[in-house]
């Protein structure tokens, strides 16, 4: 019984950390190095959340970002500390 309980607790922790990692950084899977979001935002002089969402949804890579909701984009903009 102790082994089963230990296994369940370990499984919950492992899945919890995995889920937290995927939800916290959806952009980081592709945006690394020169393509990091902070570098793109600085290069394109994006200052607000609305500008960020517009650039992602209407930019040349809009189809690649179609899977992200407005809430996902706003969360990413919040992490970049863009103005509301």
PDB file of N, CA and C in Angstrom:
ATOM      1  N   UNK A   1       0.823  -1.203   0.000  1.00  0.00           N
ATOM      2  CA  UNK A   1       0.000   0.000   0.000  1.00  0.00           C
ATOM      3  C   UNK A   1       0.865   1.264   0.000  1.00  0.00           C
ATOM      4  N   UNK A   2       1.968   1.224   0.735  1.00  0.00           N
ATOM      5  CA  UNK A   2       2.849   2.385   0.781  1.00  0.00           C
ATOM      6  C   UNK A   2       3.480   2.643  -0.593  1.00  0.00           C
ATOM      7  N   UNK A   3       3.792   1.575  -1.315  1.00  0.00           N
ATOM      8  CA  UNK A   3       4.371   1.745  -2.643  1.00  0.00           C
ATOM      9  C   UNK A   3       3.377   2.383  -3.606  1.00  0.00           C
ATOM     10  N   UNK A   4       2.144   1.979  -3.515  1.00  0.00           N
ATOM     11  CA  UNK A   4       1.112   2.548  -4.384  1.00  0.00           C
ATOM     12  C   UNK A   4       0.922   4.028  -4.071  1.00  0.00           C
ATOM     13  N   UNK A   5       0.871   4.355  -2.785  1.00  0.00           N
ATOM     14  CA  UNK A   5       0.712   5.758  -2.387  1.00  0.00           C
ATOM     15  C   UNK A   5       1.902   6.583  -2.852  1.00  0.00           C
ATOM     16  N   UNK A   6       3.106   6.052  -2.699  1.00  0.00           N
ATOM     17  CA  UNK A   6       4.302   6.766  -3.132  1.00  0.00           C
ATOM     18  C   UNK A   6       4.305   6.951  -4.646  1.00  0.00           C
ATOM     19  N   UNK A   7       3.871   5.932  -5.368  1.00  0.00           N
ATOM     20  CA  UNK A   7       3.801   6.017  -6.822  1.00  0.00           C
ATOM     21  C   UNK A   7       2.804   7.083  -7.263  1.00  0.00           C
ATOM     22  N   UNK A   8       1.647   7.105  -6.630  1.00  0.00           N
ATOM     23  CA  UNK A   8       0.613   8.086  -6.976  1.00  0.00           C
ATOM     24  C   UNK A   8       1.107   9.497  -6.691  1.00  0.00           C
ATOM     25  N   UNK A   9       1.736   9.704  -5.549  1.00  0.00           N
ATOM     26  CA  UNK A   9       2.248  11.032  -5.198  1.00  0.00           C
ATOM     27  C   UNK A   9       3.320  11.457  -6.200  1.00  0.00           C
ATOM     28  N   UNK A  10       4.221  10.556  -6.547  1.00  0.00           N
ATOM     29  CA  UNK A  10       5.279  10.877  -7.511  1.00  0.00           C
ATOM     30  C   UNK A  10       4.680  11.209  -8.874  1.00  0.00           C
ATOM     31  N   UNK A  11       3.703  10.435  -9.281  1.00  0.00           N
ATOM     32  CA  UNK A  11       3.061  10.675 -10.569  1.00  0.00           C
ATOM     33  C   UNK A  11       2.370  12.036 -10.610  1.00  0.00           C
ATOM     34  N   UNK A  12       1.701  12.396  -9.546  1.00  0.00           N
ATOM     35  CA  UNK A  12       1.029  13.699  -9.470  1.00  0.00           C
ATOM     36  C   UNK A  12       2.043  14.829  -9.561  1.00  0.00           C
ATOM     37  N   UNK A  13       3.155  14.710  -8.856  1.00  0.00           N
ATOM     38  CA  UNK A  13       4.184  15.750  -8.917  1.00  0.00           C
ATOM     39  C   UNK A  13       4.788  15.855 -10.309  1.00  0.00           C
ATOM     40  N   UNK A  14       5.090  14.741 -10.922  1.00  0.00           N
ATOM     41  CA  UNK A  14       5.694  14.746 -12.249  1.00  0.00           C
ATOM     42  C   UNK A  14       4.747  15.367 -13.270  1.00  0.00           C
ATOM     43  N   UNK A  15       3.503  14.952 -13.258  1.00  0.00           N
ATOM     44  CA  UNK A  15       2.533  15.514 -14.204  1.00  0.00           C
ATOM     45  C   UNK A  15       2.256  16.981 -13.921  1.00  0.00           C
ATOM     46  N   UNK A  16       2.245  17.351 -12.653  1.00  0.00           N
ATOM     47  CA  UNK A  16       2.023  18.749 -12.283  1.00  0.00           C
ATOM     48  C   UNK A  16       3.123  19.653 -12.799  1.00  0.00           C
ATOM     49  N   UNK A  17       4.365  19.234 -12.628  1.00  0.00           N
ATOM     50  CA  UNK A  17       5.477  20.038 -13.116  1.00  0.00           C
ATOM     51  C   UNK A  17       5.503  20.081 -14.636  1.00  0.00           C
ATOM     52  N   UNK A  18       5.195  18.979 -15.279  1.00  0.00           N
ATOM     53  CA  UNK A  18       5.162  18.950 -16.742  1.00  0.00           C
ATOM     54  C   UNK A  18       4.090  19.892 -17.276  1.00  0.00           C
ATOM     55  N   UNK A  19       2.916  19.864 -16.680  1.00  0.00           N
ATOM     56  CA  UNK A  19       1.823  20.731 -17.121  1.00  0.00           C
ATOM     57  C   UNK A  19       2.160  22.191 -16.878  1.00  0.00           C
ATOM     58  N   UNK A  20       2.783  22.491 -15.762  1.00  0.00           N
ATOM     59  CA  UNK A  20       3.152  23.879 -15.460  1.00  0.00           C
ATOM     60  C   UNK A  20       4.169  24.384 -16.468  1.00  0.00           C
ATOM     61  N   UNK A  21       5.100  23.555 -16.858  1.00  0.00           N
ATOM     62  CA  UNK A  21       6.112  23.957 -17.833  1.00  0.00           C
ATOM     63  C   UNK A  21       5.522  24.228 -19.199  1.00  0.00           C
ATOM     64  N   UNK A  22       4.582  23.410 -19.635  1.00  0.00           N
ATOM     65  CA  UNK A  22       3.978  23.606 -20.948  1.00  0.00           C
ATOM     66  C   UNK A  22       3.105  24.849 -20.976  1.00  0.00           C
ATOM     67  N   UNK A  23       2.376  25.113 -19.916  1.00  0.00           N
ATOM     68  CA  UNK A  23       1.475  26.260 -19.931  1.00  0.00           C
ATOM     69  C   UNK A  23       2.216  27.566 -19.710  1.00  0.00           C
ATOM     70  N   UNK A  24       3.320  27.528 -18.998  1.00  0.00           N
ATOM     71  CA  UNK A  24       4.021  28.760 -18.662  1.00  0.00           C
ATOM     72  C   UNK A  24       4.801  29.326 -19.846  1.00  0.00           C
ATOM     73  N   UNK A  25       5.262  28.478 -20.739  1.00  0.00           N
ATOM     74  CA  UNK A  25       6.116  28.972 -21.796  1.00  0.00           C
ATOM     75  C   UNK A  25       5.784  28.326 -23.132  1.00  0.00           C
ATOM     76  N   UNK A  26       4.652  28.657 -23.672  1.00  0.00           N
ATOM     77  CA  UNK A  26       4.245  28.109 -24.967  1.00  0.00           C
ATOM     78  C   UNK A  26       5.092  28.682 -26.094  1.00  0.00           C
ATOM     79  N   UNK A  27       5.534  29.896 -25.935  1.00  0.00           N
ATOM     80  CA  UNK A  27       6.293  30.564 -26.996  1.00  0.00           C
ATOM     81  C   UNK A  27       7.740  30.088 -27.047  1.00  0.00           C
ATOM     82  N   UNK A  28       8.271  29.698 -25.899  1.00  0.00           N
ATOM     83  CA  UNK A  28       9.679  29.337 -25.802  1.00  0.00           C
ATOM     84  C   UNK A  28      10.080  28.123 -26.612  1.00  0.00           C
ATOM     85  N   UNK A  29       9.121  27.324 -27.022  1.00  0.00           N
ATOM     86  CA  UNK A  29       9.455  26.148 -27.823  1.00  0.00           C
ATOM     87  C   UNK A  29      10.067  26.553 -29.166  1.00  0.00           C
ATOM     88  N   UNK A  30       9.582  27.617 -29.749  1.00  0.00           N
ATOM     89  CA  UNK A  30      10.083  28.080 -31.052  1.00  0.00           C
ATOM     90  C   UNK A  30      10.948  29.336 -30.943  1.00  0.00           C
ATOM     91  N   UNK A  31      10.591  30.218 -30.045  1.00  0.00           N
ATOM     92  CA  UNK A  31      11.251  31.526 -29.947  1.00  0.00           C
ATOM     93  C   UNK A  31      12.459  31.450 -29.034  1.00  0.00           C
ATOM     94  N   UNK A  32      13.615  31.118 -29.657  1.00  0.00           N
ATOM     95  CA  UNK A  32      14.883  31.005 -28.938  1.00  0.00           C
ATOM     96  C   UNK A  32      15.938  31.830 -29.666  1.00  0.00           C
ATOM     97  N   UNK A  33      16.948  32.228 -28.944  1.00  0.00           N
ATOM     98  CA  UNK A  33      18.071  32.946 -29.556  1.00  0.00           C
ATOM     99  C   UNK A  33      17.654  34.234 -30.219  1.00  0.00           C
ATOM    100  N   UNK A  34      17.980  34.362 -31.508  1.00  0.00           N
ATOM    101  CA  UNK A  34      17.652  35.584 -32.250  1.00  0.00           C
ATOM    102  C   UNK A  34      16.153  35.767 -32.428  1.00  0.00           C
ATOM    103  N   UNK A  35      15.390  34.673 -32.309  1.00  0.00           N
ATOM    104  CA  UNK A  35      13.936  34.745 -32.467  1.00  0.00           C
ATOM    105  C   UNK A  35      13.212  34.863 -31.136  1.00  0.00           C
ATOM    106  N   UNK A  36      13.926  35.178 -30.062  1.00  0.00           N
ATOM    107  CA  UNK A  36      13.304  35.339 -28.745  1.00  0.00           C
ATOM    108  C   UNK A  36      12.324  36.508 -28.793  1.00  0.00           C
ATOM    109  N   UNK A  37      11.227  36.357 -28.068  1.00  0.00           N
ATOM    110  CA  UNK A  37      10.176  37.381 -28.120  1.00  0.00           C
ATOM    111  C   UNK A  37      10.670  38.763 -27.717  1.00  0.00           C
ATOM    112  N   UNK A  38      11.496  38.838 -26.688  1.00  0.00           N
ATOM    113  CA  UNK A  38      11.958  40.161 -26.261  1.00  0.00           C
ATOM    114  C   UNK A  38      12.767  40.856 -27.357  1.00  0.00           C
ATOM    115  N   UNK A  39      13.507  40.095 -28.146  1.00  0.00           N
ATOM    116  CA  UNK A  39      14.279  40.689 -29.243  1.00  0.00           C
ATOM    117  C   UNK A  39      13.371  41.126 -30.389  1.00  0.00           C
ATOM    118  N   UNK A  40      12.359  40.320 -30.682  1.00  0.00           N
ATOM    119  CA  UNK A  40      11.411  40.672 -31.749  1.00  0.00           C
ATOM    120  C   UNK A  40      10.625  41.925 -31.369  1.00  0.00           C
ATOM    121  N   UNK A  41      10.173  41.980 -30.112  1.00  0.00           N
ATOM    122  CA  UNK A  41       9.404  43.139 -29.634  1.00  0.00           C
ATOM    123  C   UNK A  41      10.257  44.400 -29.698  1.00  0.00           C
ATOM    124  N   UNK A  42      11.512  44.303 -29.297  1.00  0.00           N
ATOM    125  CA  UNK A  42      12.395  45.475 -29.347  1.00  0.00           C
ATOM    126  C   UNK A  42      12.658  45.894 -30.794  1.00  0.00           C
ATOM    127  N   UNK A  43      12.894  44.924 -31.666  1.00  0.00           N
ATOM    128  CA  UNK A  43      13.196  45.226 -33.077  1.00  0.00           C
ATOM    129  C   UNK A  43      12.024  45.893 -33.776  1.00  0.00           C
ATOM    130  N   UNK A  44      10.805  45.431 -33.479  1.00  0.00           N
ATOM    131  CA  UNK A  44       9.609  45.977 -34.124  1.00  0.00           C
ATOM    132  C   UNK A  44       8.997  47.133 -33.342  1.00  0.00           C
ATOM    133  N   UNK A  45       9.636  47.505 -32.235  1.00  0.00           N
ATOM    134  CA  UNK A  45       9.205  48.640 -31.409  1.00  0.00           C
ATOM    135  C   UNK A  45       7.759  48.492 -30.941  1.00  0.00           C
ATOM    136  N   UNK A  46       7.415  47.316 -30.451  1.00  0.00           N
ATOM    137  CA  UNK A  46       6.078  47.043 -29.923  1.00  0.00           C
ATOM    138  C   UNK A  46       6.047  47.486 -28.463  1.00  0.00           C
ATOM    139  N   UNK A  47       5.093  48.356 -28.133  1.00  0.00           N
ATOM    140  CA  UNK A  47       5.054  48.942 -26.789  1.00  0.00           C
ATOM    141  C   UNK A  47       3.857  48.511 -25.951  1.00  0.00           C
ATOM    142  N   UNK A  48       2.769  48.043 -26.574  1.00  0.00           N
ATOM    143  CA  UNK A  48       1.560  47.729 -25.808  1.00  0.00           C
ATOM    144  C   UNK A  48       1.063  46.319 -26.112  1.00  0.00           C
ATOM    145  N   UNK A  49       0.175  45.847 -25.252  1.00  0.00           N
ATOM    146  CA  UNK A  49      -0.423  44.526 -25.427  1.00  0.00           C
ATOM    147  C   UNK A  49      -1.211  44.480 -26.729  1.00  0.00           C
ATOM    148  N   UNK A  50      -1.971  45.534 -27.014  1.00  0.00           N
ATOM    149  CA  UNK A  50      -2.779  45.578 -28.235  1.00  0.00           C
ATOM    150  C   UNK A  50      -1.893  45.514 -29.485  1.00  0.00           C
ATOM    151  N   UNK A  51      -0.770  46.227 -29.463  1.00  0.00           N
ATOM    152  CA  UNK A  51       0.164  46.188 -30.593  1.00  0.00           C
ATOM    153  C   UNK A  51       0.755  44.792 -30.768  1.00  0.00           C
ATOM    154  N   UNK A  52       1.051  44.132 -29.649  1.00  0.00           N
ATOM    155  CA  UNK A  52       1.614  42.786 -29.685  1.00  0.00           C
ATOM    156  C   UNK A  52       0.622  41.795 -30.295  1.00  0.00           C
ATOM    157  N   UNK A  53      -0.626  41.848 -29.819  1.00  0.00           N
ATOM    158  CA  UNK A  53      -1.658  40.941 -30.329  1.00  0.00           C
ATOM    159  C   UNK A  53      -1.889  41.189 -31.811  1.00  0.00           C
ATOM    160  N   UNK A  54      -1.944  42.450 -32.214  1.00  0.00           N
ATOM    161  CA  UNK A  54      -2.150  42.787 -33.619  1.00  0.00           C
ATOM    162  C   UNK A  54      -0.985  42.285 -34.479  1.00  0.00           C
ATOM    163  N   UNK A  55       0.238  42.462 -33.997  1.00  0.00           N
ATOM    164  CA  UNK A  55       1.406  42.025 -34.758  1.00  0.00           C
ATOM    165  C   UNK A  55       1.420  40.506 -34.940  1.00  0.00           C
ATOM    166  N   UNK A  56       1.013  39.786 -33.915  1.00  0.00           N
ATOM    167  CA  UNK A  56       1.003  38.324 -34.009  1.00  0.00           C
ATOM    168  C   UNK A  56      -0.124  37.843 -34.918  1.00  0.00           C
ATOM    169  N   UNK A  57      -1.302  38.410 -34.762  1.00  0.00           N
ATOM    170  CA  UNK A  57      -2.473  37.952 -35.522  1.00  0.00           C
ATOM    171  C   UNK A  57      -2.467  38.404 -36.980  1.00  0.00           C
ATOM    172  N   UNK A  58      -1.853  39.542 -37.268  1.00  0.00           N
ATOM    173  CA  UNK A  58      -1.890  40.087 -38.625  1.00  0.00           C
ATOM    174  C   UNK A  58      -0.538  40.075 -39.322  1.00  0.00           C
ATOM    175  N   UNK A  59       0.475  39.583 -38.647  1.00  0.00           N
ATOM    176  CA  UNK A  59       1.818  39.576 -39.211  1.00  0.00           C
ATOM    177  C   UNK A  59       2.028  38.463 -40.230  1.00  0.00           C
ATOM    178  N   UNK A  60       3.228  38.382 -40.776  1.00  0.00           N
ATOM    179  CA  UNK A  60       3.524  37.379 -41.799  1.00  0.00           C
ATOM    180  C   UNK A  60       3.490  35.936 -41.284  1.00  0.00           C
ATOM    181  N   UNK A  61       3.569  35.757 -39.977  1.00  0.00           N
ATOM    182  CA  UNK A  61       3.545  34.398 -39.406  1.00  0.00           C
ATOM    183  C   UNK A  61       2.235  34.117 -38.674  1.00  0.00           C
ATOM    184  N   UNK A  62       1.185  34.800 -39.066  1.00  0.00           N
ATOM    185  CA  UNK A  62      -0.104  34.681 -38.379  1.00  0.00           C
ATOM    186  C   UNK A  62      -0.634  33.246 -38.387  1.00  0.00           C
ATOM    187  N   UNK A  63      -0.432  32.525 -39.477  1.00  0.00           N
ATOM    188  CA  UNK A  63      -0.956  31.156 -39.556  1.00  0.00           C
ATOM    189  C   UNK A  63      -0.253  30.222 -38.578  1.00  0.00           C
ATOM    190  N   UNK A  64       1.016  30.471 -38.306  1.00  0.00           N
ATOM    191  CA  UNK A  64       1.723  29.634 -37.334  1.00  0.00           C
ATOM    192  C   UNK A  64       1.241  29.890 -35.914  1.00  0.00           C
ATOM    193  N   UNK A  65       0.721  31.075 -35.660  1.00  0.00           N
ATOM    194  CA  UNK A  65       0.283  31.453 -34.325  1.00  0.00           C
ATOM    195  C   UNK A  65      -1.232  31.343 -34.139  1.00  0.00           C
ATOM    196  N   UNK A  66      -1.934  30.807 -35.118  1.00  0.00           N
ATOM    197  CA  UNK A  66      -3.399  30.726 -35.066  1.00  0.00           C
ATOM    198  C   UNK A  66      -3.898  29.863 -33.918  1.00  0.00           C
ATOM    199  N   UNK A  67      -3.082  28.920 -33.451  1.00  0.00           N
ATOM    200  CA  UNK A  67      -3.504  28.018 -32.381  1.00  0.00           C
ATOM    201  C   UNK A  67      -3.546  28.707 -31.016  1.00  0.00           C
ATOM    202  N   UNK A  68      -2.973  29.888 -30.905  1.00  0.00           N
ATOM    203  CA  UNK A  68      -2.940  30.603 -29.630  1.00  0.00           C
ATOM    204  C   UNK A  68      -4.138  31.533 -29.496  1.00  0.00           C
ATOM    205  N   UNK A  69      -4.755  31.498 -28.338  1.00  0.00           N
ATOM    206  CA  UNK A  69      -5.913  32.357 -28.076  1.00  0.00           C
ATOM    207  C   UNK A  69      -5.437  33.759 -27.710  1.00  0.00           C
ATOM    208  N   UNK A  70      -6.388  34.682 -27.650  1.00  0.00           N
ATOM    209  CA  UNK A  70      -6.059  36.042 -27.218  1.00  0.00           C
ATOM    210  C   UNK A  70      -5.507  36.037 -25.797  1.00  0.00           C
ATOM    211  N   UNK A  71      -6.044  35.157 -24.950  1.00  0.00           N
ATOM    212  CA  UNK A  71      -5.547  35.077 -23.576  1.00  0.00           C
ATOM    213  C   UNK A  71      -4.095  34.618 -23.539  1.00  0.00           C
ATOM    214  N   UNK A  72      -3.733  33.674 -24.408  1.00  0.00           N
ATOM    215  CA  UNK A  72      -2.343  33.224 -24.485  1.00  0.00           C
ATOM    216  C   UNK A  72      -1.431  34.379 -24.904  1.00  0.00           C
ATOM    217  N   UNK A  73      -1.874  35.134 -25.894  1.00  0.00           N
ATOM    218  CA  UNK A  73      -1.066  36.251 -26.381  1.00  0.00           C
ATOM    219  C   UNK A  73      -0.954  37.356 -25.337  1.00  0.00           C
ATOM    220  N   UNK A  74      -2.048  37.607 -24.635  1.00  0.00           N
ATOM    221  CA  UNK A  74      -2.016  38.623 -23.578  1.00  0.00           C
ATOM    222  C   UNK A  74      -1.117  38.191 -22.431  1.00  0.00           C
ATOM    223  N   UNK A  75      -1.106  36.901 -22.132  1.00  0.00           N
ATOM    224  CA  UNK A  75      -0.209  36.397 -21.080  1.00  0.00           C
ATOM    225  C   UNK A  75       1.242  36.563 -21.498  1.00  0.00           C
ATOM    226  N   UNK A  76       1.545  36.277 -22.755  1.00  0.00           N
ATOM    227  CA  UNK A  76       2.904  36.455 -23.254  1.00  0.00           C
ATOM    228  C   UNK A  76       3.315  37.922 -23.210  1.00  0.00           C
ATOM    229  N   UNK A  77       2.386  38.803 -23.584  1.00  0.00           N
ATOM    230  CA  UNK A  77       2.670  40.235 -23.528  1.00  0.00           C
ATOM    231  C   UNK A  77       2.880  40.685 -22.090  1.00  0.00           C
ATOM    232  N   UNK A  78       2.130  40.089 -21.168  1.00  0.00           N
ATOM    233  CA  UNK A  78       2.315  40.418 -19.751  1.00  0.00           C
ATOM    234  C   UNK A  78       3.681  40.010 -19.251  1.00  0.00           C
ATOM    235  N   UNK A  79       4.169  38.860 -19.699  1.00  0.00           N
ATOM    236  CA  UNK A  79       5.495  38.413 -19.302  1.00  0.00           C
ATOM    237  C   UNK A  79       6.584  39.337 -19.873  1.00  0.00           C
ATOM    238  N   UNK A  80       6.284  39.947 -21.010  1.00  0.00           N
ATOM    239  CA  UNK A  80       7.219  40.893 -21.613  1.00  0.00           C
ATOM    240  C   UNK A  80       7.093  42.286 -21.006  1.00  0.00           C
ATOM    241  N   UNK A  81       6.142  42.437 -20.087  1.00  0.00           N
ATOM    242  CA  UNK A  81       5.901  43.705 -19.377  1.00  0.00           C
ATOM    243  C   UNK A  81       5.569  44.853 -20.330  1.00  0.00           C
ATOM    244  N   UNK A  82       4.676  44.550 -21.285  1.00  0.00           N
ATOM    245  CA  UNK A  82       4.206  45.580 -22.204  1.00  0.00           C
ATOM    246  C   UNK A  82       3.085  46.385 -21.553  1.00  0.00           C
ATOM    247  N   UNK A  83       2.928  47.609 -21.950  1.00  0.00           N
ATOM    248  CA  UNK A  83       1.882  48.475 -21.405  1.00  0.00           C
ATOM    249  C   UNK A  83       0.504  47.995 -21.832  1.00  0.00           C
ATOM    250  N   UNK A  84      -0.474  48.207 -20.978  1.00  0.00           N
ATOM    251  CA  UNK A  84      -1.848  47.817 -21.289  1.00  0.00           C
ATOM    252  C   UNK A  84      -2.391  48.782 -22.304  1.00  0.00           C
TER     253      UNK A  84
END
